[in-house]
Amino acid sequence: MPTIKLVVIGASGVGKTSLRGKYISGRFSTGYRATIGADFITKTVPHPRNPDESVTLQIWDTAGQERFSSLSSAFFRGADAALLIFDVTSPESMHALKKWWNDFKDKAPVEDGDVHEYCCVVVGNKMD
């Protein structure tokens, strides 16, 4: 079964872990516990192009604190897609996405010529 590696990135406290938890378990956690380094969880999902097949979606939740940035190259390497998350109530977290995207491109690595073909989704979170 093929595996798709999705990394979830953004500033600390934007809701990366909560969003991932909601997708995996259907439950939303309102408590806050900072991710240390990175954590991943897998889910088997239907193949996007062939409904008779499945793929393993490996969702990597990365720490948003600057002190863990040195670890990001290990977590970003081999990623097939990126989910960039910001907090809609925090303009700073939205402006920081450019830094996160550039950091991801440098460490994944995504070749400049391939950037326009790379799967990247930006999500505004905390719009309750």
Protein backbone atom coordinates (compact mmCIF):
# COMPACT_ATOMS: atom_id res chain seq x y z
CA MET A 1 0.00 0.00 0.00
CA PRO A 2 1.50 3.38 -0.97
CA THR A 3 2.22 5.95 1.74
CA ILE A 4 1.64 9.70 1.48
CA LYS A 5 3.61 11.83 3.92
CA LEU A 6 1.81 15.05 4.87
CA VAL A 7 3.54 17.55 7.14
CA VAL A 8 1.46 20.02 9.14
CA ILE A 9 3.40 23.22 9.80
CA GLY A 10 2.80 26.65 11.28
CA ALA A 11 3.49 28.77 14.34
CA SER A 12 3.04 27.50 17.87
CA GLY A 13 -0.55 27.52 19.11
CA VAL A 14 -2.33 27.79 15.74
CA GLY A 15 -4.17 24.48 16.23
CA LYS A 16 -2.12 22.01 14.18
CA THR A 17 -2.50 19.16 16.68
CA SER A 18 -6.20 19.84 17.28
CA LEU A 19 -6.96 19.90 13.56
CA ARG A 20 -5.09 16.64 13.03
CA GLY A 21 -6.91 15.05 15.99
CA LYS A 22 -10.29 16.11 14.63
CA TYR A 23 -9.50 14.54 11.26
CA ILE A 24 -8.18 11.28 12.71
CA SER A 25 -10.62 10.64 15.57
CA GLY A 26 -13.53 12.96 14.84
CA ARG A 27 -13.05 14.59 18.23
CA PHE A 28 -11.85 18.12 18.80
CA SER A 29 -9.65 18.87 21.78
CA THR A 30 -9.96 22.30 23.37
CA GLY A 31 -6.98 21.76 25.68
CA TYR A 32 -3.53 22.99 24.71
CA ARG A 33 -0.43 20.83 24.92
CA ALA A 34 2.59 21.93 22.90
CA THR A 35 4.05 19.37 20.51
CA ILE A 36 7.66 18.53 21.34
CA GLY A 37 9.70 18.00 18.17
CA ALA A 38 7.25 16.14 15.95
CA ASP A 39 4.68 13.40 16.14
CA PHE A 40 2.99 11.40 13.43
CA ILE A 41 -0.10 9.29 13.09
CA THR A 42 -1.36 7.21 10.20
CA LYS A 43 -4.77 6.69 8.68
CA THR A 44 -5.78 4.45 5.81
CA VAL A 45 -7.78 6.43 3.26
CA PRO A 46 -9.19 5.70 -0.21
CA HIS A 47 -6.79 6.24 -3.08
CA PRO A 48 -7.62 9.65 -4.64
CA ARG A 49 -7.65 8.27 -8.19
CA ASN A 50 -8.56 4.61 -7.73
CA PRO A 51 -11.47 3.91 -5.34
CA ASP A 52 -10.60 0.19 -5.29
CA GLU A 53 -7.26 0.93 -3.60
CA SER A 54 -6.20 2.54 -0.34
CA VAL A 55 -3.20 4.60 0.72
CA THR A 56 -1.62 5.15 4.10
CA LEU A 57 -1.75 8.83 5.00
CA GLN A 58 1.09 9.63 7.39
CA ILE A 59 0.33 12.98 9.07
CA TRP A 60 3.34 14.62 10.70
CA ASP A 61 2.52 17.24 13.33
CA THR A 62 5.52 19.52 13.84
CA ALA A 63 6.40 21.77 16.75
CA GLY A 64 5.87 25.46 16.05
CA GLN A 65 8.41 26.70 18.57
CA GLU A 66 11.61 28.17 17.18
CA ARG A 67 13.74 26.05 19.50
CA PHE A 68 12.77 22.92 17.53
CA SER A 69 13.54 24.38 14.09
CA SER A 70 16.83 22.48 13.87
CA LEU A 71 14.86 19.21 13.87
CA SER A 72 12.58 20.19 11.00
CA SER A 73 14.82 18.97 8.18
CA ALA A 74 14.46 15.40 9.45
CA PHE A 75 10.68 15.71 9.61
CA PHE A 76 10.25 17.57 6.30
CA ARG A 77 12.47 15.23 4.27
CA GLY A 78 10.47 12.99 1.95
CA ALA A 79 7.19 14.86 2.41
CA ASP A 80 4.65 14.52 -0.38
CA ALA A 81 2.49 17.45 0.72
CA ALA A 82 2.41 20.32 3.19
CA LEU A 83 -0.47 21.76 5.18
CA LEU A 84 0.38 25.28 6.36
CA ILE A 85 -1.86 26.45 9.20
CA PHE A 86 -2.35 29.90 10.70
CA ASP A 87 -4.64 31.30 13.38
CA VAL A 88 -7.18 33.71 11.84
CA THR A 89 -7.14 35.72 15.08
CA SER A 90 -3.36 36.18 14.84
CA PRO A 91 -2.06 38.23 11.90
CA GLU A 92 1.48 37.35 13.03
CA SER A 93 0.85 33.65 12.45
CA MET A 94 -0.41 34.39 8.93
CA HIS A 95 2.60 36.56 8.09
CA ALA A 96 4.90 33.83 9.46
CA LEU A 97 3.65 31.37 6.83
CA LYS A 98 6.13 32.73 4.31
CA LYS A 99 8.98 31.86 6.68
CA TRP A 100 7.50 28.40 7.31
CA TRP A 101 7.07 27.75 3.57
CA ASN A 102 10.63 28.89 2.77
CA ASP A 103 11.98 26.78 5.62
CA PHE A 104 10.04 23.79 4.32
CA LYS A 105 11.31 24.29 0.75
CA ASP A 106 14.90 24.51 2.02
CA LYS A 107 14.67 21.42 4.20
CA ALA A 108 12.25 19.10 2.36
CA PRO A 109 13.87 19.80 -0.21
CA VAL A 110 11.52 21.01 -2.91
CA GLU A 111 13.35 22.08 -6.04
CA ASP A 112 12.46 25.60 -7.20
CA GLY A 113 11.33 24.24 -10.56
CA ASP A 114 8.96 21.80 -8.83
CA VAL A 115 7.39 24.26 -6.37
CA HIS A 116 4.45 25.08 -8.64
CA GLU A 117 3.60 21.35 -8.83
CA TYR A 118 3.99 20.67 -5.12
CA CYS A 119 0.84 19.98 -3.10
CA CYS A 120 0.53 22.70 -0.47
CA VAL A 121 -2.67 23.84 1.23
CA VAL A 122 -3.03 26.90 3.48
CA VAL A 123 -5.65 26.64 6.25
CA GLY A 124 -6.98 29.47 8.41
CA ASN A 125 -7.90 27.91 11.76
CA LYS A 126 -9.81 29.02 14.88
CA MET A 127 -12.77 30.52 13.05
CA ASP A 128 -15.30 29.42 15.67
